[in-house]
C-alpha atoms as a PDB file:
ATOM      1  CA  MET A   1      52.527  26.193  -5.587  1.00  0.00           C
ATOM      2  CA  LYS A   2      52.744  26.599  -9.368  1.00  0.00           C
ATOM      3  CA  LYS A   3      55.735  28.889  -9.033  1.00  0.00           C
ATOM      4  CA  LEU A   4      57.514  26.420  -6.711  1.00  0.00           C
ATOM      5  CA  LEU A   5      56.917  23.586  -9.143  1.00  0.00           C
ATOM      6  CA  LEU A   6      58.254  25.472 -12.120  1.00  0.00           C
ATOM      7  CA  PHE A   7      61.159  26.521 -10.096  1.00  0.00           C
ATOM      8  CA  VAL A   8      62.112  23.067  -9.204  1.00  0.00           C
ATOM      9  CA  ALA A   9      61.693  21.972 -12.862  1.00  0.00           C
ATOM     10  CA  PHE A  10      63.708  24.655 -13.949  1.00  0.00           C
ATOM     11  CA  ILE A  11      66.592  23.865 -11.563  1.00  0.00           C
ATOM     12  CA  THR A  12      66.471  20.095 -12.366  1.00  0.00           C
ATOM     13  CA  ALA A  13      66.724  20.919 -15.968  1.00  0.00           C
ATOM     14  CA  ILE A  14      69.726  23.295 -15.579  1.00  0.00           C
ATOM     15  CA  GLN A  15      71.437  20.539 -13.494  1.00  0.00           C
ATOM     16  CA  THR A  16      70.589  17.839 -15.995  1.00  0.00           C
ATOM     17  CA  LEU A  17      72.194  19.844 -18.867  1.00  0.00           C
ATOM     18  CA  ALA A  18      75.196  20.950 -16.573  1.00  0.00           C
ATOM     19  CA  THR A  19      76.100  17.304 -15.895  1.00  0.00           C
ATOM     20  CA  ALA A  20      75.425  16.071 -19.546  1.00  0.00           C
ATOM     21  CA  GLN A  21      77.648  18.791 -21.103  1.00  0.00           C
ATOM     22  CA  SER A  22      80.942  17.541 -22.479  1.00  0.00           C
ATOM     23  CA  ALA A  23      82.832  20.056 -24.996  1.00  0.00           C
ATOM     24  CA  LYS A  24      83.347  23.542 -23.524  1.00  0.00           C
ATOM     25  CA  SER A  25      85.102  26.174 -25.007  1.00  0.00           C
ATOM     26  CA  VAL A  26      85.989  29.903 -24.779  1.00  0.00           C
ATOM     27  CA  TYR A  27      86.908  31.992 -27.699  1.00  0.00           C
ATOM     28  CA  ALA A  28      87.562  35.576 -29.113  1.00  0.00           C
ATOM     29  CA  GLU A  29      85.433  36.452 -31.999  1.00  0.00           C
ATOM     30  CA  LEU A  30      85.926  39.068 -34.537  1.00  0.00           C
ATOM     31  CA  GLY A  31      82.859  39.877 -36.660  1.00  0.00           C
ATOM     32  CA  GLY A  32      80.004  37.799 -36.067  1.00  0.00           C
ATOM     33  CA  PRO A  33      76.915  38.663 -33.895  1.00  0.00           C
ATOM     34  CA  GLY A  34      78.896  40.250 -31.044  1.00  0.00           C
ATOM     35  CA  LEU A  35      81.280  42.476 -33.395  1.00  0.00           C
ATOM     36  CA  ALA A  36      84.483  41.878 -31.318  1.00  0.00           C
ATOM     37  CA  SER A  37      83.315  39.498 -28.496  1.00  0.00           C
ATOM     38  CA  PHE A  38      84.398  36.845 -25.858  1.00  0.00           C
ATOM     39  CA  ASN A  39      82.059  33.735 -25.711  1.00  0.00           C
ATOM     40  CA  PHE A  40      81.585  30.637 -23.978  1.00  0.00           C
ATOM     41  CA  ASP A  41      80.270  27.478 -25.987  1.00  0.00           C
ATOM     42  CA  THR A  42      79.009  24.176 -24.671  1.00  0.00           C
ATOM     43  CA  ARG A  43      77.246  21.158 -25.893  1.00  0.00           C
ATOM     44  CA  PHE A  44      73.960  20.179 -24.307  1.00  0.00           C
ATOM     45  CA  THR A  45      74.603  16.431 -24.530  1.00  0.00           C
ATOM     46  CA  GLY A  46      77.546  14.079 -23.712  1.00  0.00           C
ATOM     47  CA  LYS A  47      78.961  14.104 -27.348  1.00  0.00           C
ATOM     48  CA  GLU A  48      81.436  16.173 -28.893  1.00  0.00           C
ATOM     49  CA  ASP A  49      78.908  17.095 -31.677  1.00  0.00           C
ATOM     50  CA  GLY A  50      75.248  17.661 -31.742  1.00  0.00           C
ATOM     51  CA  ILE A  51      73.296  20.677 -30.112  1.00  0.00           C
ATOM     52  CA  GLY A  52      74.834  23.149 -27.996  1.00  0.00           C
ATOM     53  CA  GLY A  53      74.865  26.807 -27.174  1.00  0.00           C
ATOM     54  CA  ARG A  54      76.759  29.892 -26.810  1.00  0.00           C
ATOM     55  CA  ILE A  55      76.582  33.202 -24.670  1.00  0.00           C
ATOM     56  CA  GLY A  56      79.188  36.126 -24.972  1.00  0.00           C
ATOM     57  CA  PHE A  57      79.725  39.826 -24.808  1.00  0.00           C
ATOM     58  CA  GLY A  58      81.445  42.465 -26.854  1.00  0.00           C
ATOM     59  CA  GLY A  59      81.327  45.980 -28.028  1.00  0.00           C
ATOM     60  CA  PHE A  60      83.473  49.174 -27.628  1.00  0.00           C
ATOM     61  CA  ALA A  61      83.662  52.334 -25.793  1.00  0.00           C
ATOM     62  CA  ILE A  62      84.947  55.636 -27.236  1.00  0.00           C
ATOM     63  CA  ASP A  63      84.938  59.021 -25.218  1.00  0.00           C
ATOM     64  CA  GLY A  64      82.114  58.019 -22.837  1.00  0.00           C
ATOM     65  CA  SER A  65      79.996  56.682 -25.425  1.00  0.00           C
ATOM     66  CA  GLY A  66      79.574  52.707 -25.654  1.00  0.00           C
ATOM     67  CA  ILE A  67      77.868  49.781 -27.095  1.00  0.00           C
ATOM     68  CA  LEU A  68      77.486  46.307 -25.776  1.00  0.00           C
ATOM     69  CA  PHE A  69      76.551  43.218 -27.778  1.00  0.00           C
ATOM     70  CA  VAL A  70      75.265  40.120 -25.973  1.00  0.00           C
ATOM     71  CA  PRO A  71      75.138  37.163 -28.537  1.00  0.00           C
ATOM     72  CA  ILE A  72      73.024  34.245 -27.328  1.00  0.00           C
ATOM     73  CA  GLY A  73      72.340  31.277 -29.622  1.00  0.00           C
ATOM     74  CA  ILE A  74      72.111  27.650 -30.080  1.00  0.00           C
ATOM     75  CA  ASN A  75      74.227  25.656 -32.720  1.00  0.00           C
ATOM     76  CA  TYR A  76      74.327  22.216 -34.038  1.00  0.00           C
ATOM     77  CA  LEU A  77      77.826  20.644 -35.048  1.00  0.00           C
ATOM     78  CA  MET A  78      78.039  17.732 -37.508  1.00  0.00           C
ATOM     79  CA  GLY A  79      81.424  15.869 -38.082  1.00  0.00           C
ATOM     80  CA  LYS A  80      82.856  12.324 -38.393  1.00  0.00           C
ATOM     81  CA  ASP A  81      86.379  12.767 -37.330  1.00  0.00           C
ATOM     82  CA  GLN A  82      85.887  14.434 -33.737  1.00  0.00           C
ATOM     83  CA  LYS A  83      87.928  17.401 -35.065  1.00  0.00           C
ATOM     84  CA  ASN A  84      86.391  19.105 -37.913  1.00  0.00           C
ATOM     85  CA  TYR A  85      82.760  20.179 -37.847  1.00  0.00           C
ATOM     86  CA  PHE A  86      80.238  21.642 -39.917  1.00  0.00           C
ATOM     87  CA  GLU A  87      78.191  24.358 -37.826  1.00  0.00           C
ATOM     88  CA  LEU A  88      74.798  25.594 -38.140  1.00  0.00           C
ATOM     89  CA  GLY A  89      73.321  27.978 -35.568  1.00  0.00           C
ATOM     90  CA  ALA A  90      70.716  30.721 -34.971  1.00  0.00           C
ATOM     91  CA  GLY A  91      70.363  33.330 -32.187  1.00  0.00           C
ATOM     92  CA  VAL A  92      69.537  36.726 -30.937  1.00  0.00           C
ATOM     93  CA  THR A  93      71.672  39.526 -29.928  1.00  0.00           C
ATOM     94  CA  PRO A  94      70.502  42.327 -27.477  1.00  0.00           C
ATOM     95  CA  VAL A  95      72.431  45.598 -28.140  1.00  0.00           C
ATOM     96  CA  PHE A  96      72.813  48.291 -25.441  1.00  0.00           C
ATOM     97  CA  ALA A  97      74.110  51.690 -26.256  1.00  0.00           C
ATOM     98  CA  THR A  98      74.715  54.772 -24.282  1.00  0.00           C
ATOM     99  CA  GLY A  99      76.374  58.300 -24.982  1.00  0.00           C
ATOM    100  CA  ASP A 100      76.718  60.367 -28.068  1.00  0.00           C
ATOM    101  CA  ILE A 101      76.023  57.263 -30.292  1.00  0.00           C
ATOM    102  CA  THR A 102      72.200  57.970 -29.952  1.00  0.00           C
ATOM    103  CA  SER A 103      70.283  61.391 -30.063  1.00  0.00           C
ATOM    104  CA  ASP A 104      68.576  60.651 -26.619  1.00  0.00           C
ATOM    105  CA  GLY A 105      71.718  59.305 -24.872  1.00  0.00           C
ATOM    106  CA  SER A 106      70.872  55.602 -24.925  1.00  0.00           C
ATOM    107  CA  PHE A 107      68.979  52.934 -26.647  1.00  0.00           C
ATOM    108  CA  ASN A 108      68.172  49.256 -26.493  1.00  0.00           C
ATOM    109  CA  THR A 109      67.517  46.959 -29.533  1.00  0.00           C
ATOM    110  CA  THR A 110      67.765  43.372 -30.643  1.00  0.00           C
ATOM    111  CA  PHE A 111      68.627  41.628 -34.020  1.00  0.00           C
ATOM    112  CA  GLY A 112      68.582  37.918 -34.998  1.00  0.00           C
ATOM    113  CA  HIS A 113      71.377  35.946 -36.652  1.00  0.00           C
ATOM    114  CA  LEU A 114      72.077  32.712 -38.414  1.00  0.00           C
ATOM    115  CA  LEU A 115      75.274  30.961 -38.607  1.00  0.00           C
ATOM    116  CA  ILE A 116      76.706  28.590 -41.250  1.00  0.00           C
ATOM    117  CA  GLY A 117      80.451  27.725 -40.814  1.00  0.00           C
ATOM    118  CA  TYR A 118      83.394  25.654 -40.170  1.00  0.00           C
ATOM    119  CA  ARG A 119      84.600  24.735 -36.665  1.00  0.00           C
ATOM    120  CA  LEU A 120      88.029  23.019 -35.687  1.00  0.00           C
ATOM    121  CA  GLN A 121      87.625  21.616 -32.185  1.00  0.00           C
ATOM    122  CA  PRO A 122      89.918  18.615 -31.247  1.00  0.00           C
ATOM    123  CA  LYS A 123      88.264  15.984 -29.102  1.00  0.00           C
ATOM    124  CA  ASP A 124      90.759  16.107 -26.371  1.00  0.00           C
ATOM    125  CA  GLY A 125      90.972  19.776 -25.950  1.00  0.00           C
ATOM    126  CA  GLY A 126      93.327  22.565 -27.142  1.00  0.00           C
ATOM    127  CA  PHE A 127      93.095  25.315 -29.906  1.00  0.00           C
ATOM    128  CA  THR A 128      89.830  25.930 -31.573  1.00  0.00           C
ATOM    129  CA  PHE A 129      89.062  27.926 -34.732  1.00  0.00           C
ATOM    130  CA  ARG A 130      85.949  28.818 -36.385  1.00  0.00           C
ATOM    131  CA  ALA A 131      85.012  30.496 -39.761  1.00  0.00           C
ATOM    132  CA  PHE A 132      81.447  31.560 -40.736  1.00  0.00           C
ATOM    133  CA  ILE A 133      78.968  33.471 -42.636  1.00  0.00           C
ATOM    134  CA  ASN A 134      76.651  35.023 -40.301  1.00  0.00           C
ATOM    135  CA  PRO A 135      73.493  36.709 -42.027  1.00  0.00           C
ATOM    136  CA  ILE A 136      71.889  39.191 -39.591  1.00  0.00           C
ATOM    137  CA  PHE A 137      68.256  40.525 -39.509  1.00  0.00           C
ATOM    138  CA  GLY A 138      66.108  42.953 -37.638  1.00  0.00           C
ATOM    139  CA  GLN A 139      63.491  45.786 -37.915  1.00  0.00           C
ATOM    140  CA  GLY A 140      63.642  45.683 -41.776  1.00  0.00           C
ATOM    141  CA  THR A 141      67.301  45.191 -42.260  1.00  0.00           C
ATOM    142  CA  PHE A 142      68.884  41.975 -43.651  1.00  0.00           C
ATOM    143  CA  VAL A 143      72.497  41.665 -44.227  1.00  0.00           C
ATOM    144  CA  PRO A 144      73.254  38.234 -45.875  1.00  0.00           C
ATOM    145  CA  TYR A 145      77.064  38.424 -46.287  1.00  0.00           C
ATOM    146  CA  TYR A 146      78.247  39.250 -42.837  1.00  0.00           C
ATOM    147  CA  GLY A 147      80.760  36.860 -41.281  1.00  0.00           C
ATOM    148  CA  GLY A 148      83.518  36.329 -38.816  1.00  0.00           C
ATOM    149  CA  VAL A 149      86.144  34.167 -37.316  1.00  0.00           C
ATOM    150  CA  SER A 150      87.172  33.110 -33.848  1.00  0.00           C
ATOM    151  CA  PHE A 151      90.114  31.672 -32.006  1.00  0.00           C
ATOM    152  CA  GLY A 152      89.962  29.944 -28.579  1.00  0.00           C
ATOM    153  CA  TYR A 153      90.396  27.063 -26.354  1.00  0.00           C
ATOM    154  CA  LYS A 154      88.487  23.833 -25.779  1.00  0.00           C
ATOM    155  CA  PHE A 155      88.643  22.314 -22.174  1.00  0.00           C
END
């Protein structure tokens, strides 16, 4: 019974978030937590700014070896003109590698990331641009001056 109630609550929450979403965008990102990735971003409220989330995938493959990054994060947009925003965010990126990249043939790891940047996202849709500093950390490593840019489309 508990599992059924949790499942119903989860579905209700997902449906509520899906109907409340306004700004949705897709973008290609160079740098950032996905290295070279494709991403989907949405707002969790009916407004153009405020809290939202992103998920993406990126990586590369060379001669049978490959690495996959899956950046997942939450972000908060602040702006007054419904076009230019200050963006703050945080998240986690699972990493999956196979082939000659590792000594045993494969590995899985995760690292955390922060995001501080600028976002151009017109209210009525169209071209989007982001530029940001993206510190990454995990397993005793901290890289404070990592960053990236992205180009995409808001619908």
